[in-house]
Structures are given as C-alpha cells and as structure tokens.
Amino acid sequence: MKKTKAVLGATLALLLILSLSSWSANEHVIVLDDAASVEVIIPELLSGNGKAELEKKDVYLEDDEGNAALRVEALGGDFQRFNTNIKSLGNIEVKKNPGKGEYRFITFAWKKEGGTGIQLQLHATTNTWGHRYHAGVNAQNWNPSIEVTPDLPKDWQIHTRDLFEDWGEMTVTGLAFSCSSLDRGFWDHLVFHQTEEDPLAPQAVEPEEKLPMTWGKLKSGKF
C-alpha cells in the first residue's frame, strides 16, 4: 500500500512538472483578446484622428474569448489611434532566443470595412515607427512596411509574424492601429509570444483544460 502511494505521489509530481513546463514554454503578453483588455488599451491610445471603441458584435470568433475587439473609426486625417509609450504594454523585448520576459512572435487578427487598406505599426526604441504590417494598399505610404496580404481583409484574418526575422532585436513600446482610409478597422487576438504556436488558439489551452481530469484519474487510481 505504501509503495502504491509512493508511486502515485511520484507520478502526480511528474505530471505537475510536465504540465507547468508546457504552460511556461510559450510565455506571452496579451494586448487584445477580451473586453477587459480592449477597455484597458483604449484610453492609452492618446493620439490620432481616428476614434477607438470597444466592439462586441463583429469580433474574431476563433480565439479563446471571442467576445470583444478594438474598433477604430477612420474620421479623416491620419485615420488611426496610437501611442508611442503604452504603459499597460510595458517594454516588449524582442530576441532571437527569448528567455523569461522576452518574445519573438506576434499574432493578430484584423478586418477592414471600406477603403483600400489596413495597417498595424509597432513603435520601438530603435527606428521608432519603422516596423509595420499592412494588407491591401499602403495608402499613407508609411514605410518600411511588410505586406501581409495583397487584398483587403474584408473578413477576419489572423496572422503570426516572426518579429526577429522581420526586424531584428528591438524593444517595442507602443502601437498604432491604422485604418489607412475610410471607413473602420477592427483588431483582435493580439498577443506577443515566444514560440511560433499561437498561445490563444483553442488547441493551445487544451492541455490545461485536461489536467484536472487527468489529476482526478490519478488520485482515484483509474489510469
């Protein structure tokens, strides 16, 4: 009996270690995913001629939350909302081999209603706004900018980019959500992460959901 308990205890400990290591293997920073995250960032987008609002109907549905997005109404001028120093974002350290508190990839979902293009800009301590992604027409001709897709994303699209491969090491401090033209742009499921796997995808959280069931089976001896 004592031997069985010892084996069970060792198995539980090993399972916990493996589970925790799998959770921490893709450390990440969520910028946009649910209503709370959108409401945090909106008041920090202090500049630009666009209007940032919480969107709860037209959202990216294939994420962990699926109930909120950031909507920017393009009112003319520069058609965007931005901040070079978003406090809630902190300093995102982009590294080739990220360790604790460092990242390499960005995943984001976006959609555009009207106009010809949409753009996401990253402000860093090096080259300031010189890190951009766009779809459709780069109407403002803000460069350098990587064309993610040639066509306007009239329906939700999701993309993962290797920030180090695209731009090298940098410290990201701010973001710009740029509609490029009328009428409005939507952003959701925006996260910085360490490995190429999207940490907010449903399959990425599956091991965490299964753990209590596995733990229960081990405790009952049904495994």
C-alpha atoms as a PDB file:
ATOM      1  CA  MET A   1       0.000   0.000   0.000  1.00  0.00           C
ATOM      2  CA  LYS A   2       2.810   2.379   0.947  1.00  0.00           C
ATOM      3  CA  LYS A   3       4.620   1.519  -2.279  1.00  0.00           C
ATOM      4  CA  THR A   4       1.479   2.220  -4.317  1.00  0.00           C
ATOM      5  CA  LYS A   5       1.065   5.607  -2.635  1.00  0.00           C
ATOM      6  CA  ALA A   6       4.721   6.441  -3.258  1.00  0.00           C
ATOM      7  CA  VAL A   7       4.402   5.573  -6.943  1.00  0.00           C
ATOM      8  CA  LEU A   8       1.192   7.580  -7.171  1.00  0.00           C
ATOM      9  CA  GLY A   9       2.802  10.578  -5.480  1.00  0.00           C
ATOM     10  CA  ALA A  10       5.802  10.440  -7.813  1.00  0.00           C
ATOM     11  CA  THR A  11       3.521  10.191 -10.854  1.00  0.00           C
ATOM     12  CA  LEU A  12       1.465  13.181  -9.699  1.00  0.00           C
ATOM     13  CA  ALA A  13       4.612  15.233  -9.120  1.00  0.00           C
ATOM     14  CA  LEU A  14       5.960  14.350 -12.573  1.00  0.00           C
ATOM     15  CA  LEU A  15       2.646  15.224 -14.213  1.00  0.00           C
ATOM     16  CA  LEU A  16       2.582  18.590 -12.473  1.00  0.00           C
ATOM     17  CA  ILE A  17       6.167  19.384 -13.525  1.00  0.00           C
ATOM     18  CA  LEU A  18       5.476  18.428 -17.136  1.00  0.00           C
ATOM     19  CA  SER A  19       2.246  20.421 -17.201  1.00  0.00           C
ATOM     20  CA  LEU A  20       3.804  23.538 -15.699  1.00  0.00           C
ATOM     21  CA  SER A  21       6.727  23.372 -18.097  1.00  0.00           C
ATOM     22  CA  SER A  22       4.347  23.088 -21.060  1.00  0.00           C
ATOM     23  CA  TRP A  23       2.371  26.123 -19.859  1.00  0.00           C
ATOM     24  CA  SER A  24       5.514  28.260 -19.459  1.00  0.00           C
ATOM     25  CA  ALA A  25       7.096  27.093 -22.725  1.00  0.00           C
ATOM     26  CA  ASN A  26       5.293  29.851 -24.622  1.00  0.00           C
ATOM     27  CA  GLU A  27       5.210  32.811 -22.273  1.00  0.00           C
ATOM     28  CA  HIS A  28       3.081  35.576 -23.758  1.00  0.00           C
ATOM     29  CA  VAL A  29       1.644  39.082 -23.336  1.00  0.00           C
ATOM     30  CA  ILE A  30      -1.980  39.581 -24.336  1.00  0.00           C
ATOM     31  CA  VAL A  31      -2.789  43.009 -25.779  1.00  0.00           C
ATOM     32  CA  LEU A  32      -6.266  42.351 -27.227  1.00  0.00           C
ATOM     33  CA  ASP A  33      -8.430  39.313 -26.563  1.00  0.00           C
ATOM     34  CA  ASP A  34     -11.468  40.120 -24.405  1.00  0.00           C
ATOM     35  CA  ALA A  35     -13.485  43.157 -23.353  1.00  0.00           C
ATOM     36  CA  ALA A  36     -11.252  43.849 -20.343  1.00  0.00           C
ATOM     37  CA  SER A  37      -8.077  44.017 -22.455  1.00  0.00           C
ATOM     38  CA  VAL A  38      -9.720  46.294 -25.039  1.00  0.00           C
ATOM     39  CA  GLU A  39     -11.028  48.609 -22.310  1.00  0.00           C
ATOM     40  CA  VAL A  40      -7.523  48.844 -20.829  1.00  0.00           C
ATOM     41  CA  ILE A  41      -5.845  49.917 -24.057  1.00  0.00           C
ATOM     42  CA  ILE A  42      -8.471  52.335 -25.432  1.00  0.00           C
ATOM     43  CA  PRO A  43      -7.696  55.221 -23.000  1.00  0.00           C
ATOM     44  CA  GLU A  44      -3.993  54.753 -23.695  1.00  0.00           C
ATOM     45  CA  LEU A  45      -4.392  55.387 -27.418  1.00  0.00           C
ATOM     46  CA  LEU A  46      -3.986  59.119 -26.948  1.00  0.00           C
ATOM     47  CA  SER A  47      -3.132  60.297 -30.462  1.00  0.00           C
ATOM     48  CA  GLY A  48      -4.508  60.210 -33.987  1.00  0.00           C
ATOM     49  CA  ASN A  49      -7.596  61.385 -35.849  1.00  0.00           C
ATOM     50  CA  GLY A  50      -9.438  58.087 -35.553  1.00  0.00           C
ATOM     51  CA  LYS A  51     -11.788  57.065 -32.743  1.00  0.00           C
ATOM     52  CA  ALA A  52     -11.074  53.894 -30.749  1.00  0.00           C
ATOM     53  CA  GLU A  53     -14.069  51.985 -29.369  1.00  0.00           C
ATOM     54  CA  LEU A  54     -14.997  48.623 -27.881  1.00  0.00           C
ATOM     55  CA  GLU A  55     -16.610  46.294 -30.439  1.00  0.00           C
ATOM     56  CA  LYS A  56     -18.672  43.374 -29.114  1.00  0.00           C
ATOM     57  CA  LYS A  57     -20.549  42.197 -32.217  1.00  0.00           C
ATOM     58  CA  ASP A  58     -18.010  41.978 -35.033  1.00  0.00           C
ATOM     59  CA  VAL A  59     -15.174  40.030 -33.375  1.00  0.00           C
ATOM     60  CA  TYR A  60     -12.670  37.324 -34.228  1.00  0.00           C
ATOM     61  CA  LEU A  61     -14.565  34.206 -33.168  1.00  0.00           C
ATOM     62  CA  GLU A  62     -11.834  31.558 -33.302  1.00  0.00           C
ATOM     63  CA  ASP A  63      -9.933  32.637 -30.202  1.00  0.00           C
ATOM     64  CA  ASP A  64     -10.051  31.833 -26.501  1.00  0.00           C
ATOM     65  CA  GLU A  65     -12.561  34.593 -25.725  1.00  0.00           C
ATOM     66  CA  GLY A  66     -14.278  35.688 -28.925  1.00  0.00           C
ATOM     67  CA  ASN A  67     -16.397  38.417 -27.370  1.00  0.00           C
ATOM     68  CA  ALA A  68     -14.640  41.721 -27.978  1.00  0.00           C
ATOM     69  CA  ALA A  69     -12.425  43.574 -30.445  1.00  0.00           C
ATOM     70  CA  LEU A  70     -10.919  47.027 -30.898  1.00  0.00           C
ATOM     71  CA  ARG A  71     -12.732  49.142 -33.497  1.00  0.00           C
ATOM     72  CA  VAL A  72     -11.129  52.286 -34.916  1.00  0.00           C
ATOM     73  CA  GLU A  73     -13.427  54.629 -36.776  1.00  0.00           C
ATOM     74  CA  ALA A  74     -11.464  56.414 -39.508  1.00  0.00           C
ATOM     75  CA  LEU A  75     -12.571  60.042 -39.237  1.00  0.00           C
ATOM     76  CA  GLY A  76     -10.047  61.509 -41.681  1.00  0.00           C
ATOM     77  CA  GLY A  77      -6.597  62.947 -41.147  1.00  0.00           C
ATOM     78  CA  ASP A  78      -4.235  60.086 -40.331  1.00  0.00           C
ATOM     79  CA  PHE A  79      -7.096  57.558 -39.918  1.00  0.00           C
ATOM     80  CA  GLN A  80      -5.595  55.997 -36.776  1.00  0.00           C
ATOM     81  CA  ARG A  81      -5.212  55.839 -32.971  1.00  0.00           C
ATOM     82  CA  PHE A  82      -1.802  55.320 -31.456  1.00  0.00           C
ATOM     83  CA  ASN A  83       0.628  55.877 -28.611  1.00  0.00           C
ATOM     84  CA  THR A  84       4.423  55.603 -28.658  1.00  0.00           C
ATOM     85  CA  ASN A  85       4.514  54.562 -24.994  1.00  0.00           C
ATOM     86  CA  ILE A  86       1.630  52.315 -23.907  1.00  0.00           C
ATOM     87  CA  LYS A  87       2.105  51.753 -20.178  1.00  0.00           C
ATOM     88  CA  SER A  88      -0.101  48.672 -19.981  1.00  0.00           C
ATOM     89  CA  LEU A  89       2.002  47.091 -22.733  1.00  0.00           C
ATOM     90  CA  GLY A  90       5.279  47.573 -20.894  1.00  0.00           C
ATOM     91  CA  ASN A  91       8.507  47.049 -22.814  1.00  0.00           C
ATOM     92  CA  ILE A  92       8.287  44.074 -25.175  1.00  0.00           C
ATOM     93  CA  GLU A  93      11.832  42.767 -25.626  1.00  0.00           C
ATOM     94  CA  VAL A  94      12.185  41.009 -28.988  1.00  0.00           C
ATOM     95  CA  LYS A  95      15.016  38.464 -29.067  1.00  0.00           C
ATOM     96  CA  LYS A  96      16.212  35.679 -31.340  1.00  0.00           C
ATOM     97  CA  ASN A  97      16.216  33.193 -28.467  1.00  0.00           C
ATOM     98  CA  PRO A  98      13.744  34.642 -25.975  1.00  0.00           C
ATOM     99  CA  GLY A  99      14.098  33.880 -22.288  1.00  0.00           C
ATOM    100  CA  LYS A 100      11.863  34.881 -19.419  1.00  0.00           C
ATOM    101  CA  GLY A 101      10.111  38.174 -20.174  1.00  0.00           C
ATOM    102  CA  GLU A 102      11.306  38.176 -23.810  1.00  0.00           C
ATOM    103  CA  TYR A 103       9.421  37.410 -27.032  1.00  0.00           C
ATOM    104  CA  ARG A 104       9.895  36.712 -30.719  1.00  0.00           C
ATOM    105  CA  PHE A 105       6.466  36.403 -32.364  1.00  0.00           C
ATOM    106  CA  ILE A 106       3.309  38.474 -32.701  1.00  0.00           C
ATOM    107  CA  THR A 107      -0.118  37.113 -33.613  1.00  0.00           C
ATOM    108  CA  PHE A 108      -3.003  39.406 -34.543  1.00  0.00           C
ATOM    109  CA  ALA A 109      -6.404  39.245 -36.210  1.00  0.00           C
ATOM    110  CA  TRP A 110      -7.790  42.112 -38.252  1.00  0.00           C
ATOM    111  CA  LYS A 111     -10.611  43.123 -40.565  1.00  0.00           C
ATOM    112  CA  LYS A 112     -11.370  46.245 -42.628  1.00  0.00           C
ATOM    113  CA  GLU A 113     -14.687  47.761 -43.681  1.00  0.00           C
ATOM    114  CA  GLY A 114     -14.407  50.142 -46.616  1.00  0.00           C
ATOM    115  CA  GLY A 115     -11.392  51.844 -48.113  1.00  0.00           C
ATOM    116  CA  THR A 116      -8.331  50.150 -49.541  1.00  0.00           C
ATOM    117  CA  GLY A 117      -6.003  49.096 -46.731  1.00  0.00           C
ATOM    118  CA  ILE A 118      -5.240  48.471 -43.058  1.00  0.00           C
ATOM    119  CA  GLN A 119      -2.004  48.688 -41.092  1.00  0.00           C
ATOM    120  CA  LEU A 120      -0.545  47.750 -37.705  1.00  0.00           C
ATOM    121  CA  GLN A 121       2.503  49.730 -36.597  1.00  0.00           C
ATOM    122  CA  LEU A 122       4.950  48.913 -33.812  1.00  0.00           C
ATOM    123  CA  HIS A 123       6.908  51.668 -32.107  1.00  0.00           C
ATOM    124  CA  ALA A 124      10.301  50.642 -30.719  1.00  0.00           C
ATOM    125  CA  THR A 125      13.288  52.275 -29.060  1.00  0.00           C
ATOM    126  CA  THR A 126      15.231  51.685 -32.298  1.00  0.00           C
ATOM    127  CA  ASN A 127      13.886  53.002 -35.627  1.00  0.00           C
ATOM    128  CA  THR A 128      10.788  54.307 -33.803  1.00  0.00           C
ATOM    129  CA  TRP A 129       7.809  53.530 -36.116  1.00  0.00           C
ATOM    130  CA  GLY A 130       9.928  51.612 -38.619  1.00  0.00           C
ATOM    131  CA  HIS A 131       8.121  48.298 -38.000  1.00  0.00           C
ATOM    132  CA  ARG A 132       4.812  47.946 -39.862  1.00  0.00           C
ATOM    133  CA  TYR A 133       2.474  45.378 -41.370  1.00  0.00           C
ATOM    134  CA  HIS A 134      -0.242  46.172 -43.901  1.00  0.00           C
ATOM    135  CA  ALA A 135      -2.861  44.463 -46.048  1.00  0.00           C
ATOM    136  CA  GLY A 136      -4.265  45.898 -49.231  1.00  0.00           C
ATOM    137  CA  VAL A 137      -2.949  49.320 -50.226  1.00  0.00           C
ATOM    138  CA  ASN A 138      -0.439  51.136 -48.020  1.00  0.00           C
ATOM    139  CA  ALA A 139      -2.454  54.286 -48.610  1.00  0.00           C
ATOM    140  CA  GLN A 140      -0.398  56.562 -46.373  1.00  0.00           C
ATOM    141  CA  ASN A 141       2.842  55.220 -47.854  1.00  0.00           C
ATOM    142  CA  TRP A 142       4.229  54.705 -44.345  1.00  0.00           C
ATOM    143  CA  ASN A 143       7.371  52.617 -44.776  1.00  0.00           C
ATOM    144  CA  PRO A 144       9.088  50.319 -44.114  1.00  0.00           C
ATOM    145  CA  SER A 145       6.004  48.110 -44.089  1.00  0.00           C
ATOM    146  CA  ILE A 146       5.590  44.405 -44.828  1.00  0.00           C
ATOM    147  CA  GLU A 147       2.631  43.448 -46.993  1.00  0.00           C
ATOM    148  CA  VAL A 148       0.923  40.580 -45.164  1.00  0.00           C
ATOM    149  CA  THR A 149      -1.704  40.055 -47.867  1.00  0.00           C
ATOM    150  CA  PRO A 150      -2.278  41.962 -51.123  1.00  0.00           C
ATOM    151  CA  ASP A 151      -6.039  42.051 -50.704  1.00  0.00           C
ATOM    152  CA  LEU A 152      -8.125  43.994 -48.214  1.00  0.00           C
ATOM    153  CA  PRO A 153      -9.232  41.690 -45.348  1.00  0.00           C
ATOM    154  CA  LYS A 154     -12.992  42.141 -45.717  1.00  0.00           C
ATOM    155  CA  ASP A 155     -13.449  39.155 -43.406  1.00  0.00           C
ATOM    156  CA  TRP A 156     -11.418  38.346 -40.297  1.00  0.00           C
ATOM    157  CA  GLN A 157      -7.868  37.178 -40.980  1.00  0.00           C
ATOM    158  CA  ILE A 158      -5.270  36.016 -38.467  1.00  0.00           C
ATOM    159  CA  HIS A 159      -1.509  36.253 -38.929  1.00  0.00           C
ATOM    160  CA  THR A 160       1.575  35.251 -36.970  1.00  0.00           C
ATOM    161  CA  ARG A 161       4.808  37.098 -37.707  1.00  0.00           C
ATOM    162  CA  ASP A 162       8.372  36.415 -36.631  1.00  0.00           C
ATOM    163  CA  LEU A 163       9.371  39.817 -35.278  1.00  0.00           C
ATOM    164  CA  PHE A 164      13.057  38.953 -35.056  1.00  0.00           C
ATOM    165  CA  GLU A 165      13.136  37.668 -38.631  1.00  0.00           C
ATOM    166  CA  ASP A 166      11.273  40.761 -39.845  1.00  0.00           C
ATOM    167  CA  TRP A 167      13.004  43.480 -37.827  1.00  0.00           C
ATOM    168  CA  GLY A 168      15.779  42.069 -35.608  1.00  0.00           C
ATOM    169  CA  GLU A 169      16.153  42.709 -31.900  1.00  0.00           C
ATOM    170  CA  MET A 170      14.145  45.628 -30.569  1.00  0.00           C
ATOM    171  CA  THR A 171      12.147  46.897 -27.616  1.00  0.00           C
ATOM    172  CA  VAL A 172       8.516  47.564 -28.530  1.00  0.00           C
ATOM    173  CA  THR A 173       6.933  50.384 -26.501  1.00  0.00           C
ATOM    174  CA  GLY A 174       3.866  51.431 -28.481  1.00  0.00           C
ATOM    175  CA  LEU A 175       1.340  50.543 -31.158  1.00  0.00           C
ATOM    176  CA  ALA A 176      -0.648  52.256 -33.897  1.00  0.00           C
ATOM    177  CA  PHE A 177      -3.930  50.871 -35.192  1.00  0.00           C
ATOM    178  CA  SER A 178      -4.155  52.447 -38.619  1.00  0.00           C
ATOM    179  CA  CYS A 179      -7.203  52.231 -40.884  1.00  0.00           C
ATOM    180  CA  SER A 180      -5.229  53.821 -43.752  1.00  0.00           C
ATOM    181  CA  SER A 181      -8.533  55.071 -45.232  1.00  0.00           C
ATOM    182  CA  LEU A 182     -12.264  55.170 -44.550  1.00  0.00           C
ATOM    183  CA  ASP A 183     -14.362  53.554 -43.015  1.00  0.00           C
ATOM    184  CA  ARG A 184     -13.264  51.448 -39.984  1.00  0.00           C
ATOM    185  CA  GLY A 185     -10.745  48.835 -38.930  1.00  0.00           C
ATOM    186  CA  PHE A 186     -11.012  46.027 -36.377  1.00  0.00           C
ATOM    187  CA  TRP A 187      -8.244  44.337 -34.374  1.00  0.00           C
ATOM    188  CA  ASP A 188      -8.495  41.338 -32.047  1.00  0.00           C
ATOM    189  CA  HIS A 189      -6.470  38.363 -30.750  1.00  0.00           C
ATOM    190  CA  LEU A 190      -3.259  40.418 -30.495  1.00  0.00           C
ATOM    191  CA  VAL A 191      -0.538  38.718 -28.465  1.00  0.00           C
ATOM    192  CA  PHE A 192       3.275  38.698 -28.216  1.00  0.00           C
ATOM    193  CA  HIS A 193       4.724  35.236 -27.623  1.00  0.00           C
ATOM    194  CA  GLN A 194       7.921  33.183 -27.528  1.00  0.00           C
ATOM    195  CA  THR A 195       7.321  30.288 -29.929  1.00  0.00           C
ATOM    196  CA  GLU A 196       5.574  30.136 -33.277  1.00  0.00           C
ATOM    197  CA  GLU A 197       2.459  28.479 -31.841  1.00  0.00           C
ATOM    198  CA  ASP A 198      -0.409  30.891 -31.200  1.00  0.00           C
ATOM    199  CA  PRO A 199      -0.900  30.728 -27.393  1.00  0.00           C
ATOM    200  CA  LEU A 200      -4.523  31.922 -27.607  1.00  0.00           C
ATOM    201  CA  ALA A 201      -5.678  29.306 -30.091  1.00  0.00           C
ATOM    202  CA  PRO A 202      -8.137  26.788 -28.591  1.00  0.00           C
ATOM    203  CA  GLN A 203      -5.705  23.881 -29.033  1.00  0.00           C
ATOM    204  CA  ALA A 204      -3.031  25.823 -27.145  1.00  0.00           C
ATOM    205  CA  VAL A 205      -5.080  25.785 -23.922  1.00  0.00           C
ATOM    206  CA  GLU A 206      -6.311  22.208 -24.293  1.00  0.00           C
ATOM    207  CA  PRO A 207      -3.627  20.630 -22.014  1.00  0.00           C
ATOM    208  CA  GLU A 208      -4.604  22.992 -19.186  1.00  0.00           C
ATOM    209  CA  GLU A 209      -8.268  22.029 -19.550  1.00  0.00           C
ATOM    210  CA  LYS A 210      -7.429  18.329 -19.474  1.00  0.00           C
ATOM    211  CA  LEU A 211      -5.211  18.479 -16.390  1.00  0.00           C
ATOM    212  CA  PRO A 212      -7.955  18.346 -13.695  1.00  0.00           C
ATOM    213  CA  MET A 213      -9.450  15.271 -15.378  1.00  0.00           C
ATOM    214  CA  THR A 214      -6.057  13.560 -15.535  1.00  0.00           C
ATOM    215  CA  TRP A 215      -5.282  14.568 -11.941  1.00  0.00           C
ATOM    216  CA  GLY A 216      -8.620  13.108 -10.804  1.00  0.00           C
ATOM    217  CA  LYS A 217      -7.976   9.830 -12.589  1.00  0.00           C
ATOM    218  CA  LEU A 218      -4.565   9.535 -10.967  1.00  0.00           C
ATOM    219  CA  LYS A 219      -5.976  10.204  -7.498  1.00  0.00           C
ATOM    220  CA  SER A 220      -8.647   7.560  -7.990  1.00  0.00           C
ATOM    221  CA  GLY A 221      -6.227   5.065  -9.469  1.00  0.00           C
ATOM    222  CA  LYS A 222      -8.209   4.961 -12.760  1.00  0.00           C
ATOM    223  CA  PHE A 223      -5.415   5.392 -15.262  1.00  0.00           C
END
